[in-house]
Amino acid sequence: QGVEVDFNAVVTESFSLYGGFAFIDAEIVDYPGGNCSFGQTFRNECPDGTQDLSGGTMPHSPDWKLALTAQYNWELPTSFDLVLQGTYKAQDDVLYSLSQDQFTIQDSFGTLDLSARLVDDEGRWEATVYVKNATDEWHVSAIGSNISQFVPNGYVQNVPLNYQRRWGADLRFRW
């Protein structure tokens, strides 16, 4: 169960705000014979190889997520417009393992993306400079318990493209 709210506000002719908020209360209702992770088994937290996951947290489901974007469109005295944009995204901590392994939790985090874009009046040319994750907030997209010859009884993390600050530029032309 949960609630999701989205909004789009044109504050002035040049300034817009849009975003959303989601609250999700996801829980495992009944799962008495759940699996254990390799890490839990290695630490002897599951002597018989199973555990009661009833009442546990659903994996990949933070309690809340937030996204907010502000955009300002500045009409220049040339044949181009300048569009400035900032987007802040945040989420609560998230458990990545159905087994409820405490070492597969990503702490809550927030990222800020900024961009400046020049767009010609006909919308054919566009040049953008940007910074993704301007606050350089470390985060992962998954954490899993692993058993292998390379990381015996360890954990692996999947890192998204924007796990660290990233600068760039785009040039686009539309036919």
Protein backbone atom coordinates (compact mmCIF):
# COMPACT_ATOMS: atom_id res chain seq x y z
CA GLN A 1 0.00 0.00 0.00
CA GLY A 2 1.14 3.54 -0.54
CA VAL A 3 0.56 7.00 -1.94
CA GLU A 4 2.07 8.77 -4.91
CA VAL A 5 1.70 12.48 -5.69
CA ASP A 6 2.93 14.20 -8.85
CA PHE A 7 2.70 17.87 -9.72
CA ASN A 8 3.53 20.27 -12.52
CA ALA A 9 3.42 24.02 -11.83
CA VAL A 10 4.00 26.80 -14.32
CA VAL A 11 4.99 29.51 -11.83
CA THR A 12 5.66 32.18 -14.46
CA GLU A 13 5.91 32.13 -18.23
CA SER A 14 9.62 31.31 -17.86
CA PHE A 15 9.76 29.30 -14.61
CA SER A 16 8.35 25.82 -14.00
CA LEU A 17 8.44 23.36 -11.11
CA TYR A 18 7.54 19.72 -11.32
CA GLY A 19 8.10 16.66 -9.25
CA GLY A 20 6.68 13.84 -7.26
CA PHE A 21 6.67 12.04 -3.94
CA ALA A 22 5.94 8.39 -3.25
CA PHE A 23 5.37 6.67 0.07
CA ILE A 24 5.26 2.87 -0.01
CA ASP A 25 4.63 0.54 2.91
CA ALA A 26 5.71 -2.80 1.44
CA GLU A 27 5.96 -5.76 3.79
CA ILE A 28 6.33 -9.51 3.48
CA VAL A 29 3.10 -10.81 5.00
CA ASP A 30 3.74 -14.55 5.29
CA TYR A 31 6.94 -16.36 4.29
CA PRO A 32 7.97 -18.86 6.99
CA GLY A 33 10.47 -20.87 4.88
CA GLY A 34 12.54 -18.09 3.33
CA ASN A 35 16.04 -18.57 2.00
CA CYS A 36 19.16 -17.26 3.68
CA SER A 37 21.86 -15.31 1.88
CA PHE A 38 25.34 -16.77 1.51
CA GLY A 39 26.53 -14.17 4.03
CA GLN A 40 23.91 -15.12 6.61
CA THR A 41 24.77 -18.80 6.18
CA PHE A 42 28.50 -18.06 6.52
CA ARG A 43 27.84 -16.10 9.75
CA ASN A 44 25.68 -19.00 11.09
CA GLU A 45 22.58 -16.80 11.27
CA CYS A 46 20.54 -19.55 9.57
CA PRO A 47 21.72 -22.92 10.91
CA ASP A 48 19.10 -24.93 8.99
CA GLY A 49 19.34 -22.82 5.80
CA THR A 50 15.90 -21.20 6.10
CA GLN A 51 14.33 -18.42 8.13
CA ASP A 52 10.93 -16.87 8.77
CA LEU A 53 10.74 -13.73 6.64
CA SER A 54 7.17 -12.86 7.70
CA GLY A 55 6.89 -9.18 8.59
CA GLY A 56 10.13 -8.37 6.80
CA THR A 57 10.78 -5.54 4.36
CA MET A 58 10.18 -6.05 0.66
CA PRO A 59 13.46 -5.73 -1.24
CA HIS A 60 14.12 -2.84 -3.64
CA SER A 61 11.35 -0.80 -2.00
CA PRO A 62 12.40 2.33 -0.09
CA ASP A 63 9.73 3.76 2.21
CA TRP A 64 9.76 7.04 0.28
CA LYS A 65 11.15 8.63 -2.88
CA LEU A 66 11.21 12.28 -3.91
CA ALA A 67 11.98 14.10 -7.17
CA LEU A 68 11.85 17.86 -7.72
CA THR A 69 12.84 19.77 -10.87
CA ALA A 70 13.06 23.53 -11.35
CA GLN A 71 13.45 24.91 -14.87
CA TYR A 72 13.98 28.48 -16.03
CA ASN A 73 13.69 29.41 -19.72
CA TRP A 74 15.45 32.65 -20.58
CA GLU A 75 14.69 34.14 -23.99
CA LEU A 76 17.94 35.64 -25.27
CA PRO A 77 18.06 38.58 -27.72
CA THR A 78 19.52 36.14 -30.28
CA SER A 79 17.90 33.21 -32.06
CA PHE A 80 18.57 31.00 -29.02
CA ASP A 81 16.98 30.44 -25.62
CA LEU A 82 18.91 29.50 -22.48
CA VAL A 83 17.28 26.81 -20.34
CA LEU A 84 18.63 26.32 -16.80
CA GLN A 85 17.52 23.22 -14.94
CA GLY A 86 18.13 21.57 -11.59
CA THR A 87 16.76 18.23 -10.42
CA TYR A 88 16.99 16.86 -6.89
CA LYS A 89 16.16 13.19 -6.28
CA ALA A 90 16.20 11.52 -2.88
CA GLN A 91 15.13 8.22 -1.38
CA ASP A 92 14.97 6.45 1.95
CA ASP A 93 17.26 3.55 2.76
CA VAL A 94 16.54 0.40 0.78
CA LEU A 95 17.10 -3.30 1.47
CA TYR A 96 18.27 -5.19 -1.61
CA SER A 97 17.89 -8.79 -0.38
CA LEU A 98 14.70 -10.74 0.17
CA SER A 99 16.63 -12.67 2.85
CA GLN A 100 16.71 -9.47 4.99
CA ASP A 101 20.53 -9.60 5.06
CA GLN A 102 21.60 -6.50 7.02
CA PHE A 103 24.67 -6.06 4.79
CA THR A 104 22.51 -5.45 1.70
CA ILE A 105 21.10 -2.10 2.85
CA GLN A 106 21.79 1.11 0.92
CA ASP A 107 21.52 4.16 3.19
CA SER A 108 19.20 6.99 2.20
CA PHE A 109 20.73 9.45 -0.25
CA GLY A 110 19.98 12.37 -2.54
CA THR A 111 21.50 13.53 -5.82
CA LEU A 112 21.46 16.89 -7.59
CA ASP A 113 21.67 17.22 -11.38
CA LEU A 114 22.29 20.62 -13.00
CA SER A 115 22.27 21.68 -16.65
CA ALA A 116 22.40 24.71 -18.93
CA ARG A 117 21.03 24.29 -22.44
CA LEU A 118 21.06 26.55 -25.50
CA VAL A 119 18.17 25.84 -27.88
CA ASP A 120 17.59 27.60 -31.19
CA ASP A 121 14.17 29.18 -31.74
CA GLU A 122 13.20 26.50 -34.30
CA GLY A 123 14.12 23.68 -31.90
CA ARG A 124 16.58 22.09 -34.34
CA TRP A 125 19.88 22.81 -32.57
CA GLU A 126 20.61 22.21 -28.93
CA ALA A 127 23.82 22.39 -26.89
CA THR A 128 23.90 21.31 -23.25
CA VAL A 129 26.49 21.30 -20.48
CA TYR A 130 25.60 19.33 -17.38
CA VAL A 131 26.77 17.84 -14.14
CA LYS A 132 25.10 14.70 -12.82
CA ASN A 133 25.25 13.99 -9.09
CA ALA A 134 26.76 17.42 -8.39
CA THR A 135 27.00 16.64 -4.66
CA ASP A 136 29.07 13.51 -5.44
CA GLU A 137 26.78 11.30 -3.32
CA TRP A 138 27.95 7.67 -3.40
CA HIS A 139 25.14 5.16 -3.93
CA VAL A 140 24.54 1.75 -5.46
CA SER A 141 21.69 0.19 -7.43
CA ALA A 142 21.98 -3.29 -5.88
CA ILE A 143 23.92 -5.19 -3.22
CA GLY A 144 24.07 -8.96 -3.13
CA SER A 145 25.66 -11.68 -1.07
CA ASN A 146 28.09 -13.64 -3.20
CA ILE A 147 29.88 -16.94 -3.06
CA SER A 148 32.64 -17.27 -5.59
CA GLN A 149 36.33 -17.91 -5.90
CA PHE A 150 36.94 -14.17 -6.33
CA VAL A 151 34.92 -12.85 -3.37
CA PRO A 152 34.35 -15.81 -1.05
CA ASN A 153 31.37 -15.16 1.23
CA GLY A 154 31.53 -11.48 0.34
CA TYR A 155 29.17 -8.95 -1.16
CA VAL A 156 29.00 -7.36 -4.58
CA GLN A 157 27.58 -3.96 -5.42
CA ASN A 158 26.18 -2.71 -8.71
CA VAL A 159 26.97 0.94 -9.21
CA PRO A 160 24.87 3.11 -11.53
CA LEU A 161 26.40 5.44 -14.10
CA ASN A 162 25.87 8.45 -11.81
CA TYR A 163 27.35 6.90 -8.64
CA GLN A 164 29.84 9.76 -8.60
CA ARG A 165 29.92 13.29 -9.99
CA ARG A 166 29.95 13.31 -13.80
CA TRP A 167 30.38 16.29 -16.12
CA GLY A 168 29.52 16.37 -19.79
CA ALA A 169 28.23 18.16 -22.84
CA ASP A 170 25.74 17.24 -25.57
CA LEU A 171 25.24 18.67 -29.02
CA ARG A 172 22.03 17.70 -30.84
CA PHE A 173 20.59 18.39 -34.24
CA ARG A 174 17.04 17.43 -35.25
CA TRP A 175 16.33 16.90 -38.95
